[in-house]
N, C-alpha and C. Protein backbone atom coordinates (compact mmCIF):
# COMPACT_ATOMS: atom_id res chain seq x y z
N MET A 1 93.25 132.90 120.98
CA MET A 1 93.69 132.74 119.60
C MET A 1 93.32 131.34 119.10
N GLU A 2 92.73 131.26 117.91
CA GLU A 2 92.34 129.98 117.34
C GLU A 2 93.54 129.29 116.71
N PHE A 3 93.49 127.94 116.69
CA PHE A 3 94.50 127.18 115.98
C PHE A 3 94.37 127.44 114.49
N LEU A 4 95.50 127.32 113.79
CA LEU A 4 95.53 127.44 112.34
C LEU A 4 96.09 126.14 111.79
N PHE A 5 95.40 125.52 110.82
CA PHE A 5 95.93 124.28 110.27
C PHE A 5 97.22 124.52 109.51
N ASP A 6 97.34 125.73 108.89
CA ASP A 6 98.57 126.09 108.18
C ASP A 6 99.45 126.89 109.14
N ASP A 7 99.91 126.20 110.17
CA ASP A 7 100.61 126.83 111.29
C ASP A 7 101.90 127.51 110.88
N GLU A 8 102.46 127.14 109.72
CA GLU A 8 103.72 127.74 109.31
C GLU A 8 103.61 129.24 109.06
N THR A 9 102.40 129.73 108.85
CA THR A 9 102.23 131.16 108.61
C THR A 9 102.33 131.96 109.89
N PHE A 10 102.32 131.25 111.02
CA PHE A 10 102.35 131.93 112.32
C PHE A 10 103.63 131.67 113.10
N SER A 11 104.05 130.42 113.18
CA SER A 11 105.09 130.00 114.12
C SER A 11 106.38 130.80 113.99
N PHE A 12 106.90 130.91 112.76
CA PHE A 12 108.22 131.50 112.63
C PHE A 12 108.18 133.02 112.61
N GLU A 13 107.08 133.59 112.21
CA GLU A 13 106.95 135.04 112.36
C GLU A 13 106.96 135.41 113.83
N THR A 14 106.34 134.55 114.65
CA THR A 14 106.34 134.79 116.10
C THR A 14 107.75 134.72 116.65
N LEU A 15 108.52 133.74 116.22
CA LEU A 15 109.90 133.62 116.69
C LEU A 15 110.74 134.81 116.26
N ARG A 16 110.55 135.27 115.04
CA ARG A 16 111.32 136.43 114.57
C ARG A 16 110.97 137.66 115.39
N THR A 17 109.67 137.85 115.63
CA THR A 17 109.22 139.01 116.40
C THR A 17 109.79 138.98 117.82
N ALA A 18 109.89 137.78 118.38
CA ALA A 18 110.41 137.63 119.74
C ALA A 18 111.92 137.75 119.81
N GLY A 19 112.57 137.83 118.63
CA GLY A 19 114.00 138.03 118.60
C GLY A 19 114.84 136.77 118.68
N PHE A 20 114.23 135.59 118.44
CA PHE A 20 115.00 134.36 118.47
C PHE A 20 115.92 134.29 117.26
N ALA A 21 117.10 133.73 117.45
CA ALA A 21 118.00 133.45 116.33
C ALA A 21 117.54 132.16 115.67
N LEU A 22 117.33 132.21 114.36
CA LEU A 22 116.85 131.04 113.65
C LEU A 22 117.97 130.36 112.86
N TYR A 23 119.19 130.76 113.12
CA TYR A 23 120.30 130.23 112.36
C TYR A 23 121.12 129.30 113.23
N GLY A 24 122.24 128.78 112.72
CA GLY A 24 123.00 127.73 113.38
C GLY A 24 123.64 128.14 114.69
N GLY A 25 124.55 127.27 115.17
CA GLY A 25 125.27 127.55 116.39
C GLY A 25 124.38 127.52 117.61
N ALA A 26 124.68 128.41 118.55
CA ALA A 26 123.94 128.43 119.82
C ALA A 26 122.49 128.78 119.63
N GLY A 27 122.14 129.36 118.50
CA GLY A 27 120.77 129.77 118.26
C GLY A 27 119.91 128.72 117.60
N LYS A 28 120.34 127.47 117.59
CA LYS A 28 119.54 126.42 116.96
C LYS A 28 118.16 126.33 117.59
N ILE A 29 117.17 126.19 116.75
CA ILE A 29 115.79 126.11 117.21
C ILE A 29 115.30 124.66 117.11
N VAL A 30 114.79 124.16 118.22
CA VAL A 30 114.14 122.86 118.26
C VAL A 30 112.65 123.10 118.49
N LEU A 31 111.82 122.50 117.65
CA LEU A 31 110.38 122.63 117.83
C LEU A 31 109.86 121.40 118.56
N PHE A 32 109.07 121.64 119.62
CA PHE A 32 108.47 120.57 120.40
C PHE A 32 106.96 120.73 120.35
N GLY A 33 106.29 119.68 119.92
CA GLY A 33 104.83 119.72 119.83
C GLY A 33 104.19 118.73 120.77
N TYR A 34 103.30 119.21 121.62
CA TYR A 34 102.65 118.41 122.65
C TYR A 34 101.19 118.22 122.29
N SER A 35 100.72 116.98 122.24
CA SER A 35 99.36 116.65 121.85
C SER A 35 99.09 117.17 120.44
N LEU A 36 98.07 118.01 120.22
CA LEU A 36 97.82 118.52 118.88
C LEU A 36 99.00 119.32 118.35
N GLY A 37 99.83 119.84 119.27
CA GLY A 37 101.04 120.53 118.85
C GLY A 37 101.96 119.64 118.03
N GLY A 38 101.81 118.31 118.18
CA GLY A 38 102.59 117.39 117.36
C GLY A 38 102.29 117.54 115.89
N TYR A 39 101.06 117.91 115.56
CA TYR A 39 100.74 118.23 114.16
C TYR A 39 101.23 119.64 113.81
N LEU A 40 100.96 120.60 114.69
CA LEU A 40 101.22 122.00 114.36
C LEU A 40 102.71 122.26 114.08
N VAL A 41 103.60 121.72 114.91
CA VAL A 41 105.02 121.99 114.68
C VAL A 41 105.55 121.20 113.49
N ALA A 42 104.99 120.02 113.25
CA ALA A 42 105.40 119.26 112.06
C ALA A 42 105.01 120.02 110.79
N ARG A 43 103.82 120.57 110.78
CA ARG A 43 103.37 121.37 109.64
C ARG A 43 104.29 122.57 109.43
N ALA A 44 104.66 123.24 110.52
CA ALA A 44 105.56 124.39 110.42
C ALA A 44 106.90 123.97 109.84
N ALA A 45 107.43 122.84 110.30
CA ALA A 45 108.75 122.38 109.85
C ALA A 45 108.75 121.96 108.39
N ALA A 46 107.58 121.66 107.84
CA ALA A 46 107.50 121.30 106.43
C ALA A 46 107.81 122.49 105.53
N PHE A 47 107.68 123.70 106.08
CA PHE A 47 107.88 124.91 105.27
C PHE A 47 109.04 125.76 105.75
N GLU A 48 109.65 125.39 106.87
CA GLU A 48 110.77 126.16 107.42
C GLU A 48 111.91 125.20 107.72
N HIS A 49 112.94 125.23 106.87
CA HIS A 49 113.99 124.22 106.94
C HIS A 49 115.19 124.63 107.78
N ARG A 50 115.04 125.71 108.53
CA ARG A 50 116.11 126.08 109.46
C ARG A 50 115.91 125.44 110.83
N VAL A 51 114.90 124.63 110.97
CA VAL A 51 114.66 123.92 112.23
C VAL A 51 115.78 122.90 112.42
N ALA A 52 116.42 122.93 113.58
CA ALA A 52 117.52 122.01 113.85
C ALA A 52 117.03 120.61 114.21
N ALA A 53 115.90 120.53 114.86
CA ALA A 53 115.33 119.23 115.25
C ALA A 53 113.86 119.41 115.62
N LEU A 54 113.16 118.29 115.61
CA LEU A 54 111.71 118.31 115.80
C LEU A 54 111.34 117.17 116.74
N ILE A 55 110.54 117.48 117.78
CA ILE A 55 110.04 116.45 118.68
C ILE A 55 108.52 116.50 118.66
N LEU A 56 107.91 115.37 118.32
CA LEU A 56 106.46 115.28 118.22
C LEU A 56 105.94 114.36 119.32
N ASP A 57 105.16 114.92 120.25
CA ASP A 57 104.67 114.14 121.38
C ASP A 57 103.16 114.37 121.54
N ASP A 58 102.34 113.74 120.73
CA ASP A 58 102.59 112.58 119.88
C ASP A 58 102.68 113.01 118.41
N GLY A 59 103.08 112.06 117.56
CA GLY A 59 103.01 112.31 116.13
C GLY A 59 101.58 112.23 115.65
N ILE A 60 101.17 113.20 114.84
CA ILE A 60 99.81 113.21 114.28
C ILE A 60 99.91 113.42 112.78
N HIS A 61 99.43 112.45 112.02
CA HIS A 61 99.40 112.58 110.57
C HIS A 61 98.08 113.14 110.08
N ASP A 62 96.99 112.68 110.63
CA ASP A 62 95.65 113.10 110.18
C ASP A 62 94.76 113.23 111.41
N PHE A 63 94.59 114.47 111.87
CA PHE A 63 93.83 114.70 113.09
C PHE A 63 92.35 114.38 112.91
N HIS A 64 91.82 114.64 111.73
CA HIS A 64 90.41 114.35 111.48
C HIS A 64 90.15 112.85 111.61
N ALA A 65 91.02 112.04 111.05
CA ALA A 65 90.84 110.59 111.12
C ALA A 65 90.88 110.12 112.56
N ALA A 66 91.79 110.71 113.36
CA ALA A 66 91.89 110.33 114.76
C ALA A 66 90.66 110.78 115.55
N PHE A 67 90.21 112.00 115.30
CA PHE A 67 89.07 112.57 116.03
C PHE A 67 87.79 111.85 115.64
N ALA A 68 87.51 111.80 114.33
CA ALA A 68 86.27 111.17 113.87
C ALA A 68 86.26 109.68 114.18
N GLY A 69 87.44 109.08 114.26
CA GLY A 69 87.53 107.66 114.55
C GLY A 69 87.05 107.29 115.93
N ASN A 70 86.95 108.28 116.81
CA ASN A 70 86.44 108.06 118.16
C ASN A 70 84.94 108.28 118.27
N LEU A 71 84.29 108.55 117.14
CA LEU A 71 82.84 108.78 117.12
C LEU A 71 82.15 107.63 116.38
N PRO A 72 80.88 107.39 116.68
CA PRO A 72 80.14 106.38 115.93
C PRO A 72 80.14 106.73 114.44
N PRO A 73 80.37 105.78 113.54
CA PRO A 73 80.48 106.06 112.10
C PRO A 73 79.27 106.79 111.51
N PHE A 74 78.07 106.50 112.02
CA PHE A 74 76.89 107.14 111.43
C PHE A 74 76.89 108.65 111.67
N ILE A 75 77.52 109.10 112.76
CA ILE A 75 77.59 110.54 113.00
C ILE A 75 78.49 111.19 111.96
N GLY A 76 79.61 110.54 111.67
CA GLY A 76 80.50 111.06 110.62
C GLY A 76 79.79 111.14 109.28
N SER A 77 78.97 110.14 108.98
CA SER A 77 78.22 110.14 107.72
C SER A 77 77.23 111.30 107.68
N TRP A 78 76.52 111.54 108.77
CA TRP A 78 75.58 112.67 108.83
C TRP A 78 76.30 113.99 108.59
N ILE A 79 77.46 114.15 109.23
CA ILE A 79 78.20 115.41 109.08
C ILE A 79 78.66 115.60 107.64
N GLU A 80 79.13 114.52 107.02
CA GLU A 80 79.55 114.60 105.62
C GLU A 80 78.39 114.98 104.71
N GLN A 81 77.19 114.54 105.07
CA GLN A 81 76.00 114.82 104.27
C GLN A 81 75.38 116.18 104.61
N GLY A 82 75.98 116.91 105.57
CA GLY A 82 75.41 118.19 105.97
C GLY A 82 74.21 118.07 106.87
N ARG A 83 74.03 116.89 107.49
CA ARG A 83 72.86 116.66 108.35
C ARG A 83 73.17 117.11 109.78
N ASP A 84 73.55 118.37 109.93
CA ASP A 84 73.86 118.91 111.25
C ASP A 84 72.63 118.89 112.16
N ASP A 85 71.44 118.92 111.55
CA ASP A 85 70.21 118.96 112.33
C ASP A 85 70.02 117.70 113.17
N VAL A 86 70.63 116.58 112.73
CA VAL A 86 70.55 115.36 113.52
C VAL A 86 71.88 115.05 114.22
N ALA A 87 72.99 115.42 113.58
CA ALA A 87 74.30 115.11 114.15
C ALA A 87 74.56 115.89 115.44
N VAL A 88 74.25 117.19 115.44
CA VAL A 88 74.55 118.02 116.60
C VAL A 88 73.75 117.60 117.83
N PRO A 89 72.43 117.34 117.72
CA PRO A 89 71.71 116.88 118.92
C PRO A 89 72.25 115.57 119.48
N VAL A 90 72.64 114.65 118.61
CA VAL A 90 73.18 113.37 119.10
C VAL A 90 74.52 113.59 119.78
N LEU A 91 75.39 114.42 119.18
CA LEU A 91 76.67 114.72 119.82
C LEU A 91 76.45 115.40 121.17
N THR A 92 75.50 116.31 121.20
CA THR A 92 75.19 117.00 122.46
C THR A 92 74.72 116.01 123.52
N MET A 93 73.90 115.05 123.13
CA MET A 93 73.45 114.02 124.06
C MET A 93 74.63 113.19 124.57
N LEU A 94 75.56 112.85 123.67
CA LEU A 94 76.72 112.03 124.05
C LEU A 94 77.63 112.75 125.04
N THR A 95 77.65 114.09 124.96
CA THR A 95 78.50 114.84 125.91
C THR A 95 77.98 114.74 127.34
N THR A 96 76.72 114.35 127.51
CA THR A 96 76.17 114.24 128.87
C THR A 96 76.59 112.94 129.54
N VAL A 97 77.10 111.98 128.75
CA VAL A 97 77.47 110.68 129.34
C VAL A 97 78.97 110.39 129.22
N SER A 98 79.70 111.23 128.52
CA SER A 98 81.14 111.00 128.35
C SER A 98 81.91 112.28 128.67
N THR A 99 82.64 112.27 129.77
CA THR A 99 83.45 113.43 130.12
C THR A 99 84.52 113.69 129.07
N GLN A 100 85.12 112.61 128.56
CA GLN A 100 86.16 112.73 127.54
C GLN A 100 85.64 113.41 126.28
N LEU A 101 84.49 112.95 125.81
CA LEU A 101 83.91 113.53 124.60
C LEU A 101 83.44 114.96 124.85
N ARG A 102 82.87 115.20 126.03
CA ARG A 102 82.41 116.56 126.36
C ARG A 102 83.57 117.55 126.31
N TRP A 103 84.68 117.17 126.94
CA TRP A 103 85.85 118.07 126.90
C TRP A 103 86.37 118.23 125.48
N GLY A 104 86.49 117.13 124.75
CA GLY A 104 87.04 117.19 123.40
C GLY A 104 86.23 118.08 122.47
N LEU A 105 84.92 117.94 122.51
CA LEU A 105 84.07 118.73 121.61
C LEU A 105 83.99 120.20 122.04
N ARG A 106 83.84 120.44 123.34
CA ARG A 106 83.73 121.82 123.79
C ARG A 106 85.05 122.57 123.63
N ASN A 107 86.14 121.93 124.03
CA ASN A 107 87.44 122.58 123.86
C ASN A 107 87.75 122.75 122.39
N GLY A 108 87.40 121.74 121.58
CA GLY A 108 87.65 121.83 120.15
C GLY A 108 86.91 122.99 119.49
N ARG A 109 85.65 123.20 119.86
CA ARG A 109 84.90 124.34 119.32
C ARG A 109 85.61 125.65 119.62
N TRP A 110 86.11 125.75 120.84
CA TRP A 110 86.76 126.99 121.27
C TRP A 110 88.07 127.22 120.50
N VAL A 111 88.96 126.22 120.49
CA VAL A 111 90.29 126.45 119.90
C VAL A 111 90.27 126.43 118.37
N PHE A 112 89.26 125.80 117.78
CA PHE A 112 89.16 125.78 116.32
C PHE A 112 88.27 126.91 115.79
N GLY A 113 87.61 127.61 116.69
CA GLY A 113 86.70 128.66 116.26
C GLY A 113 85.52 128.12 115.48
N ALA A 114 85.02 126.94 115.89
CA ALA A 114 83.94 126.28 115.17
C ALA A 114 82.58 126.77 115.66
N SER A 115 81.62 126.82 114.76
CA SER A 115 80.29 127.31 115.11
C SER A 115 79.42 126.25 115.76
N SER A 116 79.80 124.98 115.61
CA SER A 116 79.02 123.88 116.18
C SER A 116 79.93 122.66 116.28
N PHE A 117 79.44 121.62 116.94
CA PHE A 117 80.22 120.38 117.02
C PHE A 117 80.46 119.81 115.62
N ALA A 118 79.45 119.87 114.77
CA ALA A 118 79.62 119.35 113.41
C ALA A 118 80.63 120.17 112.62
N ASP A 119 80.58 121.48 112.80
CA ASP A 119 81.56 122.35 112.12
C ASP A 119 82.97 122.02 112.58
N LEU A 120 83.13 121.70 113.86
CA LEU A 120 84.43 121.30 114.38
C LEU A 120 84.98 120.08 113.65
N ILE A 121 84.14 119.06 113.49
CA ILE A 121 84.58 117.84 112.81
C ILE A 121 85.00 118.16 111.37
N ARG A 122 84.26 119.03 110.71
CA ARG A 122 84.63 119.39 109.34
C ARG A 122 85.94 120.18 109.30
N LYS A 123 86.11 121.12 110.23
CA LYS A 123 87.34 121.91 110.26
C LYS A 123 88.57 121.03 110.50
N ALA A 124 88.39 119.96 111.29
CA ALA A 124 89.52 119.09 111.60
C ALA A 124 90.10 118.42 110.36
N ARG A 125 89.32 118.36 109.29
CA ARG A 125 89.79 117.71 108.06
C ARG A 125 91.03 118.40 107.48
N ASP A 126 91.18 119.69 107.74
CA ASP A 126 92.35 120.42 107.21
C ASP A 126 93.64 120.05 107.93
N TYR A 127 93.53 119.44 109.09
CA TYR A 127 94.71 119.18 109.92
C TYR A 127 95.35 117.84 109.55
N THR A 128 96.03 117.83 108.42
CA THR A 128 96.68 116.63 107.93
C THR A 128 98.05 116.97 107.35
N LEU A 129 98.97 116.03 107.47
CA LEU A 129 100.30 116.18 106.86
C LEU A 129 100.34 115.59 105.47
N ASP A 130 99.22 115.09 105.00
CA ASP A 130 99.17 114.51 103.66
C ASP A 130 99.57 115.57 102.63
N GLY A 131 100.55 115.25 101.82
CA GLY A 131 101.00 116.17 100.78
C GLY A 131 102.12 117.11 101.20
N VAL A 132 102.42 117.17 102.51
CA VAL A 132 103.51 118.06 102.96
C VAL A 132 104.55 117.35 103.82
N ALA A 133 104.24 116.15 104.31
CA ALA A 133 105.16 115.44 105.21
C ALA A 133 106.53 115.23 104.59
N HIS A 134 106.56 114.99 103.27
CA HIS A 134 107.84 114.74 102.59
C HIS A 134 108.73 115.98 102.56
N GLN A 135 108.16 117.15 102.88
CA GLN A 135 108.95 118.39 102.89
C GLN A 135 109.69 118.59 104.22
N ILE A 136 109.38 117.80 105.21
CA ILE A 136 110.06 117.91 106.50
C ILE A 136 111.44 117.27 106.37
N THR A 137 112.48 118.05 106.65
CA THR A 137 113.85 117.55 106.51
C THR A 137 114.61 117.51 107.84
N ALA A 138 114.09 118.13 108.87
CA ALA A 138 114.77 118.16 110.17
C ALA A 138 114.74 116.78 110.81
N PRO A 139 115.80 116.39 111.51
CA PRO A 139 115.76 115.16 112.30
C PRO A 139 114.55 115.21 113.24
N THR A 140 113.82 114.12 113.30
CA THR A 140 112.54 114.13 114.03
C THR A 140 112.42 112.96 114.99
N LEU A 141 112.07 113.28 116.23
CA LEU A 141 111.75 112.25 117.22
C LEU A 141 110.24 112.18 117.35
N ILE A 142 109.67 111.01 117.11
CA ILE A 142 108.23 110.81 117.19
C ILE A 142 107.93 109.94 118.40
N MET A 143 107.23 110.51 119.36
CA MET A 143 106.88 109.78 120.58
C MET A 143 105.54 109.08 120.38
N ASP A 144 105.48 107.84 120.88
CA ASP A 144 104.28 107.01 120.70
C ASP A 144 103.93 106.33 122.02
N PRO A 145 102.88 106.80 122.71
CA PRO A 145 102.43 106.12 123.92
C PRO A 145 101.65 104.86 123.53
N GLU A 146 102.02 103.75 124.11
CA GLU A 146 101.47 102.45 123.71
C GLU A 146 99.95 102.39 123.78
N ASN A 147 99.36 103.04 124.79
CA ASN A 147 97.91 102.90 125.01
C ASN A 147 97.13 104.16 124.71
N ASP A 148 97.66 105.01 123.84
CA ASP A 148 96.99 106.28 123.54
C ASP A 148 95.60 106.02 122.97
N ARG A 149 94.59 106.49 123.66
CA ARG A 149 93.20 106.28 123.22
C ARG A 149 92.79 107.27 122.13
N PHE A 150 93.49 108.38 122.04
CA PHE A 150 93.08 109.45 121.14
C PHE A 150 93.76 109.37 119.77
N LEU A 151 95.04 108.99 119.76
CA LEU A 151 95.83 109.08 118.53
C LEU A 151 96.46 107.75 118.15
N LYS A 152 95.83 106.67 118.50
CA LYS A 152 96.39 105.35 118.25
C LYS A 152 96.74 105.17 116.77
N GLY A 153 97.98 104.78 116.49
CA GLY A 153 98.41 104.53 115.12
C GLY A 153 98.93 105.75 114.38
N GLN A 154 98.64 106.95 114.88
CA GLN A 154 99.08 108.16 114.19
C GLN A 154 100.61 108.32 114.18
N PRO A 155 101.32 108.06 115.28
CA PRO A 155 102.78 108.19 115.23
C PRO A 155 103.42 107.31 114.15
N GLN A 156 102.90 106.11 113.97
CA GLN A 156 103.44 105.21 112.95
C GLN A 156 103.22 105.77 111.55
N LEU A 157 102.06 106.42 111.34
CA LEU A 157 101.78 107.02 110.03
C LEU A 157 102.74 108.18 109.75
N VAL A 158 103.04 108.98 110.78
CA VAL A 158 103.99 110.08 110.61
C VAL A 158 105.36 109.52 110.27
N HIS A 159 105.79 108.51 111.02
CA HIS A 159 107.10 107.92 110.79
C HIS A 159 107.24 107.42 109.35
N LYS A 160 106.21 106.79 108.85
CA LYS A 160 106.23 106.27 107.48
C LYS A 160 106.24 107.40 106.45
N ALA A 161 105.59 108.52 106.78
CA ALA A 161 105.44 109.62 105.81
C ALA A 161 106.68 110.51 105.72
N LEU A 162 107.56 110.48 106.72
CA LEU A 162 108.72 111.38 106.73
C LEU A 162 109.85 110.81 105.86
N ALA A 163 109.63 110.87 104.56
CA ALA A 163 110.56 110.26 103.61
C ALA A 163 111.87 111.03 103.48
N SER A 164 111.87 112.32 103.85
CA SER A 164 113.05 113.16 103.65
C SER A 164 113.77 113.49 104.95
N ALA A 165 113.32 112.92 106.05
CA ALA A 165 113.90 113.26 107.36
C ALA A 165 114.46 112.00 108.03
N ASP A 166 115.45 112.21 108.88
CA ASP A 166 115.96 111.15 109.74
C ASP A 166 115.00 111.05 110.92
N ALA A 167 114.06 110.12 110.85
CA ALA A 167 112.98 110.04 111.84
C ALA A 167 113.17 108.84 112.76
N THR A 168 112.96 109.08 114.05
CA THR A 168 113.08 108.04 115.06
C THR A 168 111.75 107.90 115.78
N LEU A 169 111.21 106.70 115.80
CA LEU A 169 109.95 106.42 116.49
C LEU A 169 110.25 105.68 117.79
N VAL A 170 109.77 106.24 118.89
CA VAL A 170 109.99 105.62 120.20
C VAL A 170 108.64 105.36 120.86
N THR A 171 108.38 104.10 121.20
CA THR A 171 107.15 103.72 121.88
C THR A 171 107.45 103.51 123.36
N LEU A 172 106.75 104.26 124.21
CA LEU A 172 106.85 104.05 125.65
C LEU A 172 105.63 103.26 126.10
N THR A 173 105.84 102.35 127.02
CA THR A 173 104.84 101.33 127.31
C THR A 173 104.05 101.58 128.59
N GLY A 174 102.92 100.90 128.65
CA GLY A 174 102.11 100.94 129.85
C GLY A 174 102.81 100.27 131.02
N ALA A 175 103.63 99.26 130.71
CA ALA A 175 104.36 98.56 131.77
C ALA A 175 105.29 99.50 132.52
N ASP A 176 105.77 100.52 131.82
CA ASP A 176 106.64 101.52 132.45
C ASP A 176 105.85 102.71 132.98
N GLY A 177 104.52 102.64 132.88
CA GLY A 177 103.67 103.74 133.34
C GLY A 177 103.64 104.91 132.40
N ALA A 178 104.12 104.72 131.16
CA ALA A 178 104.24 105.84 130.22
C ALA A 178 103.43 105.62 128.95
N GLY A 179 102.40 104.79 129.03
CA GLY A 179 101.67 104.41 127.83
C GLY A 179 100.46 105.26 127.50
N GLU A 180 100.16 106.27 128.31
CA GLU A 180 98.97 107.09 128.05
C GLU A 180 99.30 108.30 127.18
N HIS A 181 98.27 108.96 126.71
CA HIS A 181 98.41 110.12 125.82
C HIS A 181 99.43 111.12 126.36
N THR A 182 100.40 111.46 125.55
CA THR A 182 101.50 112.37 125.89
C THR A 182 102.25 111.92 127.15
N HIS A 183 102.16 110.63 127.47
CA HIS A 183 102.89 110.06 128.62
C HIS A 183 102.48 110.73 129.93
N ALA A 184 101.19 111.07 130.01
CA ALA A 184 100.69 111.75 131.21
C ALA A 184 101.05 110.96 132.46
N GLY A 185 101.60 111.67 133.43
CA GLY A 185 101.99 111.06 134.68
C GLY A 185 103.32 110.35 134.65
N ALA A 186 103.99 110.38 133.51
CA ALA A 186 105.26 109.66 133.39
C ALA A 186 106.30 110.47 132.61
N LEU A 187 106.29 111.78 132.81
CA LEU A 187 107.27 112.60 132.10
C LEU A 187 108.69 112.27 132.54
N GLY A 188 108.84 111.69 133.73
CA GLY A 188 110.15 111.24 134.17
C GLY A 188 110.70 110.13 133.29
N GLN A 189 109.81 109.44 132.58
CA GLN A 189 110.21 108.43 131.60
C GLN A 189 110.45 109.05 130.23
N ALA A 190 109.58 109.99 129.86
CA ALA A 190 109.63 110.56 128.51
C ALA A 190 110.77 111.56 128.33
N HIS A 191 110.98 112.42 129.31
CA HIS A 191 111.98 113.49 129.15
C HIS A 191 113.40 112.98 128.93
N PRO A 192 113.86 111.95 129.64
CA PRO A 192 115.21 111.46 129.35
C PRO A 192 115.36 110.96 127.91
N VAL A 193 114.30 110.34 127.37
CA VAL A 193 114.35 109.89 125.98
C VAL A 193 114.54 111.09 125.05
N MET A 194 113.75 112.14 125.29
CA MET A 194 113.82 113.33 124.45
C MET A 194 115.18 114.01 124.54
N PHE A 195 115.67 114.22 125.76
CA PHE A 195 116.91 114.97 125.92
C PHE A 195 118.13 114.16 125.50
N ASP A 196 118.11 112.85 125.69
CA ASP A 196 119.20 112.02 125.18
C ASP A 196 119.25 112.07 123.66
N TRP A 197 118.06 112.03 123.04
CA TRP A 197 118.00 112.12 121.58
C TRP A 197 118.50 113.47 121.10
N LEU A 198 118.10 114.53 121.77
CA LEU A 198 118.57 115.87 121.40
C LEU A 198 120.07 115.99 121.56
N ASP A 199 120.58 115.45 122.63
CA ASP A 199 122.03 115.53 122.88
C ASP A 199 122.80 114.88 121.74
N THR A 200 122.31 113.76 121.27
CA THR A 200 122.97 113.07 120.15
C THR A 200 122.76 113.80 118.84
N THR A 201 121.53 114.24 118.61
CA THR A 201 121.16 114.84 117.32
C THR A 201 121.83 116.19 117.10
N LEU A 202 121.88 117.03 118.11
CA LEU A 202 122.39 118.39 117.96
C LEU A 202 123.92 118.48 117.99
N THR A 203 124.58 117.38 118.33
CA THR A 203 126.03 117.40 118.37
C THR A 203 126.66 116.63 117.21
N ARG A 204 125.84 116.23 116.26
CA ARG A 204 126.38 115.50 115.10
C ARG A 204 127.21 116.42 114.23
């Protein structure tokens, strides 16, 4: 199944079909988004206000900016100009020397249903909270790994954009071993933060 930038059309219909209670009490629903899921569940919560709480690990405001920001600027310019004939061969060449980029582009083509690497970069432009972030009203925990190479600065942008929600930004550090993307290898540090926050938030 491909990702949908307008994830709200899918998420809650799935919950209803599965028989989840979307109303108060013991049936409170908390949405947790991991990596790109940090964008997807935030987008869903912008249109579904029965969400009791939201955890974004990490917070993503503009996925295109984060993705394209890891590429040489001239490639982004070629893609904007429709110069796929030069952009795609260069991206393909770069995948032979960077495992990180190879995984990101190949996996991205698959999950986004993109026809090429350049098409993937263009499709990523739809994945933004710009214009909808103010509609999120659920209490939100935004996780920020100090040394995240992929989404640096995005959690702070989400925190600033959530004008209608009680938003908490928590930065976990490299000194504690929890500074990498989604706190890889340090969930023992991240999970207590999340569950302590939930315990406080859901009992208010």
